[in-house]
Each structure stands twice: as C-alpha cells, then as structure tokens.
Amino acid sequence: MNLPRRALAAIGLMNLAQLPVAMRQLLVVLIGHENTGSFATAGIASAACGIGLALTAPVAGRLLARLGDRPVLLATGFAHLAALVGLALATEPAVFVLLAAAAGLTTPPALSSGRSLLPVLVPGPALTRAYAVNAIGQEILYVGGPLAVTLSLTLTGPSGALLAFGAIGTTALVVNAALVPGRAPAATDAPGPGPRTGRPAFRTLVAVHFAYMIAIGAMWVLVPAFAAGAGHPDQAGLLITLWSVGSLAGGLLLAARGRRGALATGYLVLLGALAGTSLGLLLPRTVPQLAVAITIFGLALAPWLAVTDELMARATPPPHTAAAFGWLQTAGQLGVAIGAGISGRIHDRYGANAAFLLVSGALLTAFGLALYRRRWLRTVTDPAQPPTVPAPAEPVGR
C-alpha cells in the first residue's frame, strides 16, 4: 500500500495498545458483577469509566503537544495498568466504581497520538490510505477483541482477561513510545488552513461526529435487543461481527484504491451512504434479514471514519492535532452514552424496528449538518485537489 514501515508499525501498535480500552467497558461489567455481585454497581462503574475518558481525552491531547508523545504515553500507560489491576481485585462497590473512574481518567491517548503523527510519518498523497489502514485495524480489534474475551473468560475469568489485555496493551504502548518522536514535531507534508478556516471545520467535524456516535451507541443496544426479540439472543454477537465485516470490506477497498475526488466530497458522500443504508435496518423481521442489512450498513463505516481522521488532521495541524482528536473522542463518548440511553427506552416502548429510527435520525441529522457546513469542510487543504477559495468569515454564534 506504499506506506512507510514506521507508519505501519505505529498503526499496529496504537491499535494493539487500544485493546484493553476497547474491551474495558464489557469487562468492567463482567468483573463488577463477579466481584461485587451487583449489575447496578457494574453499570455505574462502566458509566464512570466512560465519563472519565470523556473528561481527560482533550487534556491528554494537549499534553502530547506540550510534553511530547513518549512521556505522556508512558505515564498514562502505567497509571492505567495500575487502575486495571485494582479493578481486577476490588470487591467493595464504592472502591470498584472509583477505580473504574480512575481507569477512564488515565486512559492512554494512544489513538490521538497515532492519528496526529500519521501526517508526519506518511507523505501527503498517501495519507488517506494510512487512515484507511488504521480504520481497518480498529475493525479487526472489534472483531477479534470479543472473541479473545470469550476465550479468556473460559480460561481465566473476567479478571484474568482484564489483566492479560492490560499487560498486552501496556507492552504495545511501551514499544510504541520507543518508536515515536520524543517531542511532537511539526508536520512538513500536512498543510492545513489557518485558524480562521480551521476552527469552523474542526467544530463541524466534532458536532457531526457527536451525532454519528449517538447512532453507534444506539446500535450497541438495539442489535442485541433485536436478536432477543427475534428469539435468538445468542445471535447478537454474529450480527455485530457481520457489521464489522462489512466495515472491514469498505476499509480494505479504500486502502487498496485510495480516495477518489475531493476530501470534503468523499466525507459527505460516505456519510450520506451511512444515513441511506441505515434505513434498511427498519425493514428486517428475522435475524437473517438483519444480517444482510447490517452488513450493507457497515460498508461505508470504516471509509468514512478514515476520511474523518484525515479531515481532522488537515484542519488542525500541529501542535493542535492531538488535542483535536481528543475532543473527537470526548464527543464520541458522550454520543454513545446518549444513544444507548435513549434507544433502550424507545425499544421498551415501541420495539427494536421502531427504535432503529433513532439510528437513521441521528445519521440523517449528522448528514444534514455536514451538508449545511460543507463550505467550511471544503476550506481544508487537500493536496490531491486544487486549492479552494477561502470561505467568508464565520458569523458569530453559528
């Protein structure tokens, strides 16, 4: 794919370092119930963990720019590992919740670091492929991670699984920290717009991502709910896997072919495809029918996330890139929490198919917002396209 080996290594390591974070919410619930005997405590702990990450992600991004990637990754990595060890051992409900919050607060900014360094490690024309490969890595993580959890639960139980994932993630983080520059360097091949145009584009990307993640939070609730309502609760994992398989296929296609057309146009087209294919989720009545619909729905997911990352990197060049990705992560955490909470209530009252309207509604809202704000997205420098005329100053209050 014509990507530098150092960039490929950074992508692989940052996704491997993300393993304990990606599986943390699931394991916190399982360990919380096993250690405290209460699903209520487990749920509160899971929420505390997510809120902790949402609070500190932008701060960690700023520290990456101020102190450099290496010290921040190592300090947060070992603090996070200590919190995970405490979680595995804690049996008092209050202590367990506090340690879950600590795990969220100390989450290593591996993804923010890697995403912000890719423009430094990869030539501009190949940046789309780099972000596509990273999106593929994330999908592999969410396909293989639950399978690894299932295997670990059989061998060691949830506490042992959390400790094993924590050790793997910390090791990958240490190796990654040894490879990245000690100080965040200035990008030489990732030109971006000045503050006048960059900030409106950044705000647009964060707002759209928030609406998108409401849909994702709803999906994590509604897919298992649909499977249970169809009489096959054991098929929920298969449906989630097929969703990721569709996303993987789309990501592989983008990585192989590269992006065609302008960056902002690709962002809008892919987001429109996500919104359009989400309408297919309203029709199925059986698990096989939803399996087809959810696979199609996944096709544009990884490509859109890859283009989102590239837009963000080009809209907010160093030293602001890592903090920008932190804000994107914060918006995502809040969106997931809202989507999960609202969708559960809609499902209980109207059923799974009606609740999928929330997914489509959130994505159509995201698409409408992106379309309305498209002039700011088009101000982001795209080396594959001729320069655009800067947009007029953004009105105050928009």
Protein backbone atom coordinates (compact mmCIF):
# COMPACT_ATOMS: atom_id res chain seq x y z
CA MET A 1 0.00 0.00 0.00
CA ASN A 2 3.10 2.20 -0.32
CA LEU A 3 3.12 3.20 3.34
CA PRO A 4 6.37 3.65 5.30
CA ARG A 5 7.18 0.78 7.65
CA ARG A 6 7.35 3.14 10.60
CA ALA A 7 3.82 4.31 9.89
CA LEU A 8 2.55 0.72 9.61
CA ALA A 9 4.27 -0.12 12.89
CA ALA A 10 2.70 2.91 14.57
CA ILE A 11 -0.76 1.93 13.30
CA GLY A 12 -0.39 -1.66 14.50
CA LEU A 13 0.98 -0.70 17.91
CA MET A 14 -1.55 2.04 18.65
CA ASN A 15 -4.42 -0.33 17.88
CA LEU A 16 -2.88 -3.11 19.97
CA ALA A 17 -2.38 -0.62 22.80
CA GLN A 18 -6.09 0.17 22.48
CA LEU A 19 -7.07 -3.48 23.19
CA PRO A 20 -7.69 -3.09 26.95
CA VAL A 21 -9.54 0.19 26.33
CA ALA A 22 -11.75 -1.25 23.57
CA MET A 23 -12.76 -4.25 25.69
CA ARG A 24 -12.80 -2.37 29.00
CA GLN A 25 -16.50 -1.48 29.13
CA LEU A 26 -17.54 -5.09 28.58
CA LEU A 27 -15.02 -6.45 31.09
CA VAL A 28 -15.88 -3.83 33.71
CA VAL A 29 -19.49 -5.00 33.65
CA LEU A 30 -18.49 -8.67 33.86
CA ILE A 31 -15.92 -8.12 36.62
CA GLY A 32 -18.20 -5.75 38.51
CA HIS A 33 -20.92 -8.37 38.71
CA GLU A 34 -18.47 -11.13 39.63
CA ASN A 35 -16.60 -9.11 42.29
CA THR A 36 -19.49 -7.18 43.84
CA GLY A 37 -22.49 -9.35 42.96
CA SER A 38 -24.39 -6.37 41.57
CA PHE A 39 -25.16 -5.41 37.98
CA ALA A 40 -26.18 -1.98 39.29
CA THR A 41 -22.66 -1.41 40.60
CA ALA A 42 -21.22 -2.79 37.38
CA GLY A 43 -23.33 -0.38 35.30
CA ILE A 44 -22.38 2.62 37.42
CA ALA A 45 -18.72 1.64 37.15
CA SER A 46 -18.98 1.33 33.37
CA ALA A 47 -20.53 4.79 33.14
CA ALA A 48 -17.86 6.25 35.45
CA CYS A 49 -15.17 4.76 33.22
CA GLY A 50 -16.65 6.33 30.09
CA ILE A 51 -17.13 9.73 31.75
CA GLY A 52 -13.53 9.67 32.96
CA LEU A 53 -12.27 9.14 29.42
CA ALA A 54 -14.53 11.89 28.06
CA LEU A 55 -13.16 14.36 30.62
CA THR A 56 -9.45 13.75 30.08
CA ALA A 57 -9.15 12.95 26.35
CA PRO A 58 -8.70 16.62 25.25
CA VAL A 59 -6.32 17.28 28.18
CA ALA A 60 -4.19 14.30 27.20
CA GLY A 61 -4.12 15.60 23.63
CA ARG A 62 -2.80 18.96 24.81
CA LEU A 63 -0.15 17.25 26.91
CA LEU A 64 1.02 15.30 23.87
CA ALA A 65 1.72 18.58 22.09
CA ARG A 66 3.28 20.25 25.13
CA LEU A 67 5.41 17.44 26.60
CA GLY A 68 5.80 15.09 23.66
CA ASP A 69 4.26 11.70 22.97
CA ARG A 70 6.73 9.49 24.81
CA PRO A 71 6.40 10.78 28.41
CA VAL A 72 2.62 11.15 28.18
CA LEU A 73 2.10 7.66 26.74
CA LEU A 74 4.33 6.04 29.36
CA ALA A 75 2.92 7.94 32.35
CA THR A 76 -0.71 7.33 31.44
CA GLY A 77 0.01 3.76 30.36
CA PHE A 78 1.42 2.64 33.69
CA ALA A 79 -1.21 4.59 35.67
CA HIS A 80 -3.92 2.94 33.60
CA LEU A 81 -2.42 -0.50 34.17
CA ALA A 82 -2.39 0.13 37.93
CA ALA A 83 -6.08 1.09 37.80
CA LEU A 84 -6.90 -2.08 35.83
CA VAL A 85 -5.07 -4.25 38.39
CA GLY A 86 -7.06 -2.58 41.15
CA LEU A 87 -10.30 -3.22 39.25
CA ALA A 88 -9.49 -6.89 38.90
CA LEU A 89 -9.03 -7.21 42.67
CA ALA A 90 -11.61 -4.79 44.13
CA THR A 91 -14.70 -6.24 45.79
CA GLU A 92 -16.12 -3.20 47.62
CA PRO A 93 -18.70 -1.47 45.37
CA ALA A 94 -17.55 2.08 46.12
CA VAL A 95 -13.89 1.19 45.58
CA PHE A 96 -14.73 -0.61 42.36
CA VAL A 97 -16.57 2.43 40.97
CA LEU A 98 -13.71 4.76 41.96
CA LEU A 99 -11.15 2.52 40.27
CA ALA A 100 -13.31 2.34 37.14
CA ALA A 101 -13.37 6.14 37.06
CA ALA A 102 -9.59 6.17 37.56
CA ALA A 103 -9.19 3.76 34.64
CA GLY A 104 -11.19 6.14 32.45
CA LEU A 105 -9.29 9.21 33.62
CA THR A 106 -5.89 7.62 32.96
CA THR A 107 -6.73 6.18 29.53
CA PRO A 108 -3.55 6.45 27.42
CA PRO A 109 -4.03 8.73 24.38
CA ALA A 110 -2.66 6.07 22.03
CA LEU A 111 -5.17 6.79 19.25
CA SER A 112 -4.79 10.56 19.49
CA SER A 113 -1.01 10.19 19.39
CA GLY A 114 -1.01 7.83 16.42
CA ARG A 115 -3.60 9.73 14.41
CA SER A 116 -1.82 13.06 14.91
CA LEU A 117 1.58 11.58 13.95
CA LEU A 118 0.43 9.92 10.73
CA PRO A 119 0.69 13.19 8.74
CA VAL A 120 4.31 13.38 9.92
CA LEU A 121 5.14 9.77 9.07
CA VAL A 122 3.26 9.48 5.77
CA PRO A 123 3.59 11.58 2.57
CA GLY A 124 0.51 13.72 1.93
CA PRO A 125 -0.85 11.81 -1.11
CA ALA A 126 -0.77 8.52 0.84
CA LEU A 127 -2.44 9.88 3.96
CA THR A 128 -5.90 8.61 3.00
CA ARG A 129 -4.54 5.07 2.71
CA ALA A 130 -2.82 5.42 6.08
CA TYR A 131 -6.05 6.42 7.82
CA ALA A 132 -7.89 3.66 5.95
CA VAL A 133 -5.38 1.09 7.26
CA ASN A 134 -5.88 2.48 10.76
CA ALA A 135 -9.68 2.15 10.38
CA ILE A 136 -9.14 -1.46 9.27
CA GLY A 137 -7.02 -2.05 12.37
CA GLN A 138 -9.79 -0.74 14.59
CA GLU A 139 -12.35 -3.02 12.95
CA ILE A 140 -10.05 -6.02 13.40
CA LEU A 141 -9.77 -5.01 17.05
CA TYR A 142 -13.55 -5.00 17.47
CA VAL A 143 -13.94 -8.30 15.62
CA GLY A 144 -11.12 -10.16 17.35
CA GLY A 145 -11.44 -8.49 20.75
CA PRO A 146 -14.80 -10.03 21.74
CA LEU A 147 -13.58 -13.43 20.54
CA ALA A 148 -10.48 -13.02 22.71
CA VAL A 149 -12.71 -12.03 25.64
CA THR A 150 -14.80 -15.17 25.14
CA LEU A 151 -11.69 -17.37 25.11
CA SER A 152 -10.18 -15.59 28.11
CA LEU A 153 -13.40 -15.94 30.11
CA THR A 154 -13.18 -19.69 29.63
CA LEU A 155 -9.53 -19.88 30.64
CA THR A 156 -9.09 -17.22 33.32
CA GLY A 157 -12.40 -15.49 34.09
CA PRO A 158 -13.06 -11.76 33.51
CA SER A 159 -10.42 -10.53 35.99
CA GLY A 160 -7.72 -12.61 34.35
CA ALA A 161 -8.85 -11.39 30.92
CA LEU A 162 -8.60 -7.75 32.02
CA LEU A 163 -5.11 -8.29 33.43
CA ALA A 164 -3.96 -10.09 30.29
CA PHE A 165 -5.33 -7.40 27.99
CA GLY A 166 -3.82 -4.72 30.22
CA ALA A 167 -0.40 -6.34 30.01
CA ILE A 168 -0.63 -6.69 26.22
CA GLY A 169 -1.80 -3.11 25.78
CA THR A 170 0.86 -1.66 28.06
CA THR A 171 3.62 -3.61 26.29
CA ALA A 172 2.43 -2.30 22.91
CA LEU A 173 2.29 1.21 24.37
CA VAL A 174 5.87 1.00 25.64
CA VAL A 175 7.14 -0.22 22.27
CA ASN A 176 5.15 2.49 20.51
CA ALA A 177 6.54 5.14 22.85
CA ALA A 178 10.06 4.00 21.95
CA LEU A 179 9.33 4.47 18.23
CA VAL A 180 7.53 7.83 18.24
CA PRO A 181 9.46 11.11 18.45
CA GLY A 182 10.20 12.30 21.96
CA ARG A 183 8.65 15.65 21.14
CA ALA A 184 5.76 16.23 18.78
CA PRO A 185 7.41 17.56 15.60
CA ALA A 186 5.93 19.99 13.16
CA ALA A 187 4.36 18.34 10.15
CA THR A 188 6.18 19.02 6.89
CA ASP A 189 3.71 17.48 4.47
CA ALA A 190 0.35 18.11 6.02
CA PRO A 191 -0.58 21.71 5.23
CA GLY A 192 -3.70 22.93 6.89
CA PRO A 193 -5.82 26.06 6.94
CA GLY A 194 -5.19 28.90 9.30
CA PRO A 195 -7.27 29.50 12.43
CA ARG A 196 -9.94 31.47 10.54
CA THR A 197 -10.97 28.46 8.46
CA GLY A 198 -9.59 25.61 10.56
CA ARG A 199 -11.70 26.26 13.64
CA PRO A 200 -15.11 26.18 11.89
CA ALA A 201 -14.09 22.97 10.13
CA PHE A 202 -12.99 21.48 13.47
CA ARG A 203 -16.27 22.42 15.14
CA THR A 204 -18.20 20.92 12.24
CA LEU A 205 -16.31 17.63 12.45
CA VAL A 206 -16.84 17.35 16.22
CA ALA A 207 -20.56 18.14 16.01
CA VAL A 208 -21.13 15.68 13.16
CA HIS A 209 -19.15 13.00 14.99
CA PHE A 210 -21.28 13.52 18.10
CA ALA A 211 -24.47 12.89 16.11
CA TYR A 212 -22.88 9.88 14.40
CA MET A 213 -21.89 8.34 17.72
CA ILE A 214 -25.44 8.66 19.03
CA ALA A 215 -26.33 6.22 16.25
CA ILE A 216 -23.46 3.90 17.19
CA GLY A 217 -24.46 3.92 20.88
CA ALA A 218 -28.00 3.01 19.88
CA MET A 219 -26.74 0.16 17.66
CA TRP A 220 -24.89 -1.48 20.56
CA VAL A 221 -28.21 -1.70 22.42
CA LEU A 222 -30.62 -2.37 19.58
CA VAL A 223 -28.77 -5.20 17.83
CA PRO A 224 -28.80 -7.48 20.91
CA ALA A 225 -32.37 -6.36 21.63
CA PHE A 226 -33.48 -7.27 18.10
CA ALA A 227 -31.83 -10.70 18.35
CA ALA A 228 -33.53 -11.36 21.69
CA GLY A 229 -36.89 -10.20 20.36
CA ALA A 230 -36.49 -12.48 17.33
CA GLY A 231 -35.96 -15.43 19.67
CA HIS A 232 -32.23 -15.81 19.01
CA PRO A 233 -30.34 -13.82 21.68
CA ASP A 234 -27.25 -15.94 21.03
CA GLN A 235 -27.02 -14.46 17.50
CA ALA A 236 -26.30 -10.90 18.68
CA GLY A 237 -22.54 -11.46 18.54
CA LEU A 238 -22.80 -12.78 14.99
CA LEU A 239 -24.76 -9.70 13.90
CA ILE A 240 -22.17 -7.36 15.43
CA THR A 241 -19.39 -9.35 13.71
CA LEU A 242 -21.14 -9.06 10.32
CA TRP A 243 -21.44 -5.32 10.87
CA SER A 244 -17.68 -5.16 11.38
CA VAL A 245 -17.06 -7.44 8.39
CA GLY A 246 -18.95 -5.01 6.17
CA SER A 247 -16.90 -2.14 7.59
CA LEU A 248 -13.67 -4.10 7.02
CA ALA A 249 -14.59 -4.69 3.39
CA GLY A 250 -15.19 -0.99 2.84
CA GLY A 251 -11.93 -0.06 4.58
CA LEU A 252 -9.92 -2.55 2.53
CA LEU A 253 -11.37 -1.14 -0.68
CA LEU A 254 -10.40 2.41 0.33
CA ALA A 255 -6.90 1.30 1.35
CA ALA A 256 -6.39 -0.55 -1.93
CA ARG A 257 -7.80 2.06 -4.31
CA GLY A 258 -7.21 5.26 -2.40
CA ARG A 259 -9.60 8.19 -2.31
CA ARG A 260 -11.21 9.49 -5.48
CA GLY A 261 -12.19 13.14 -5.62
CA ALA A 262 -12.00 15.91 -3.06
CA LEU A 263 -11.66 15.15 0.65
CA ALA A 264 -14.77 17.06 1.72
CA THR A 265 -16.82 15.49 -1.07
CA GLY A 266 -15.79 11.99 -0.01
CA TYR A 267 -16.74 12.82 3.57
CA LEU A 268 -20.23 13.93 2.53
CA VAL A 269 -20.83 11.05 0.12
CA LEU A 270 -19.78 8.40 2.63
CA LEU A 271 -21.83 9.97 5.42
CA GLY A 272 -24.81 10.09 3.07
CA ALA A 273 -24.26 6.41 2.30
CA LEU A 274 -24.27 5.60 6.01
CA ALA A 275 -27.50 7.50 6.53
CA GLY A 276 -29.12 5.92 3.47
CA THR A 277 -28.16 2.33 4.25
CA SER A 278 -29.30 2.77 7.88
CA LEU A 279 -32.87 2.95 6.57
CA GLY A 280 -32.52 -0.71 5.65
CA LEU A 281 -32.37 -1.53 9.36
CA LEU A 282 -36.05 -0.59 9.69
CA LEU A 283 -37.26 -3.44 7.48
CA PRO A 284 -35.94 -6.81 8.83
CA ARG A 285 -38.12 -9.04 10.95
CA THR A 286 -35.74 -12.01 11.25
CA VAL A 287 -32.07 -12.41 12.17
CA PRO A 288 -31.00 -13.44 8.62
CA GLN A 289 -32.71 -10.35 7.21
CA LEU A 290 -30.95 -8.08 9.69
CA ALA A 291 -27.67 -9.87 8.94
CA VAL A 292 -27.90 -8.68 5.32
CA ALA A 293 -29.00 -5.16 6.25
CA ILE A 294 -26.32 -4.65 8.91
CA THR A 295 -23.53 -5.91 6.63
CA ILE A 296 -24.56 -3.40 3.95
CA PHE A 297 -24.83 -0.69 6.61
CA GLY A 298 -21.24 -1.38 7.64
CA LEU A 299 -19.70 -0.90 4.19
CA ALA A 300 -19.27 2.88 4.43
CA LEU A 301 -18.35 2.95 8.13
CA ALA A 302 -14.56 2.43 8.08
CA PRO A 303 -14.05 4.57 4.94
CA TRP A 304 -16.00 7.45 6.49
CA LEU A 305 -14.02 7.24 9.74
CA ALA A 306 -10.76 7.24 7.74
CA VAL A 307 -11.80 10.36 5.82
CA THR A 308 -12.94 11.98 9.08
CA ASP A 309 -9.49 11.39 10.60
CA GLU A 310 -7.77 12.86 7.55
CA LEU A 311 -10.01 15.92 7.56
CA MET A 312 -9.34 16.47 11.25
CA ALA A 313 -5.58 16.10 10.79
CA ARG A 314 -5.55 18.60 7.93
CA ALA A 315 -7.96 21.04 9.60
CA THR A 316 -5.91 21.21 12.82
CA PRO A 317 -2.19 20.83 12.05
CA PRO A 318 0.38 20.51 14.88
CA PRO A 319 0.55 21.43 17.67
CA HIS A 320 -3.26 21.21 17.91
CA THR A 321 -3.89 17.89 16.16
CA ALA A 322 -3.67 15.56 19.17
CA ALA A 323 -5.98 17.76 21.25
CA ALA A 324 -8.45 17.88 18.34
CA PHE A 325 -8.59 14.09 18.23
CA GLY A 326 -9.10 14.14 21.99
CA TRP A 327 -12.17 16.35 21.56
CA LEU A 328 -13.40 13.96 18.86
CA GLN A 329 -13.09 11.12 21.37
CA THR A 330 -14.93 13.11 24.04
CA ALA A 331 -17.79 13.87 21.63
CA GLY A 332 -17.91 10.18 20.75
CA GLN A 333 -18.16 9.05 24.38
CA LEU A 334 -20.99 11.48 25.07
CA GLY A 335 -22.80 10.49 21.89
CA VAL A 336 -22.58 6.79 22.70
CA ALA A 337 -23.95 7.37 26.20
CA ILE A 338 -26.93 9.37 24.88
CA GLY A 339 -27.66 6.89 22.08
CA ALA A 340 -27.52 3.89 24.38
CA GLY A 341 -29.77 5.53 26.98
CA ILE A 342 -32.43 6.81 24.60
CA SER A 343 -32.57 3.70 22.41
CA GLY A 344 -33.25 1.41 25.35
CA ARG A 345 -36.32 3.42 26.34
CA ILE A 346 -37.62 3.60 22.76
CA HIS A 347 -37.13 -0.15 22.35
CA ASP A 348 -39.03 -0.98 25.53
CA ARG A 349 -42.00 1.11 24.40
CA TYR A 350 -42.10 0.62 20.63
CA GLY A 351 -39.88 -2.34 19.76
CA ALA A 352 -36.50 -2.75 18.04
CA ASN A 353 -37.55 -1.86 14.50
CA ALA A 354 -39.07 1.45 15.55
CA ALA A 355 -36.05 2.15 17.73
CA PHE A 356 -33.78 1.84 14.67
CA LEU A 357 -35.38 5.14 13.62
CA LEU A 358 -33.08 6.73 16.20
CA VAL A 359 -30.06 5.39 14.28
CA SER A 360 -31.34 6.76 10.98
CA GLY A 361 -32.45 10.03 12.57
CA ALA A 362 -29.04 10.64 14.16
CA LEU A 363 -27.20 9.87 10.91
CA LEU A 364 -29.55 12.00 8.81
CA THR A 365 -29.01 14.83 11.31
CA ALA A 366 -25.25 14.37 11.00
CA PHE A 367 -25.50 14.39 7.21
CA GLY A 368 -27.71 17.48 7.20
CA LEU A 369 -25.30 19.33 9.48
CA ALA A 370 -22.29 18.34 7.36
CA LEU A 371 -24.11 19.40 4.20
CA TYR A 372 -25.08 22.74 5.73
CA ARG A 373 -21.49 23.33 6.87
CA ARG A 374 -19.83 21.94 3.75
CA ARG A 375 -18.20 25.25 2.80
CA TRP A 376 -16.05 25.03 5.93
CA LEU A 377 -15.08 21.45 5.20
CA ARG A 378 -14.01 22.49 1.70
CA THR A 379 -11.57 25.05 3.13
CA VAL A 380 -9.42 22.19 4.46
CA THR A 381 -6.33 21.82 2.28
CA ASP A 382 -6.41 18.70 0.14
CA PRO A 383 -3.13 18.01 -1.74
CA ALA A 384 -4.97 15.84 -4.26
CA GLN A 385 -7.17 18.76 -5.35
CA PRO A 386 -6.52 22.35 -6.47
CA PRO A 387 -6.76 24.99 -3.73
CA THR A 388 -10.20 26.37 -3.00
CA VAL A 389 -11.12 29.97 -2.45
CA PRO A 390 -11.34 30.66 1.31
CA ALA A 391 -14.84 30.94 2.66
CA PRO A 392 -16.03 34.18 4.20
CA ALA A 393 -15.65 34.74 7.91
CA GLU A 394 -17.97 32.59 10.02
CA PRO A 395 -20.87 34.53 11.54
CA VAL A 396 -20.66 34.88 15.30
CA GLY A 397 -22.82 32.37 17.19
CA ARG A 398 -23.14 29.74 14.48
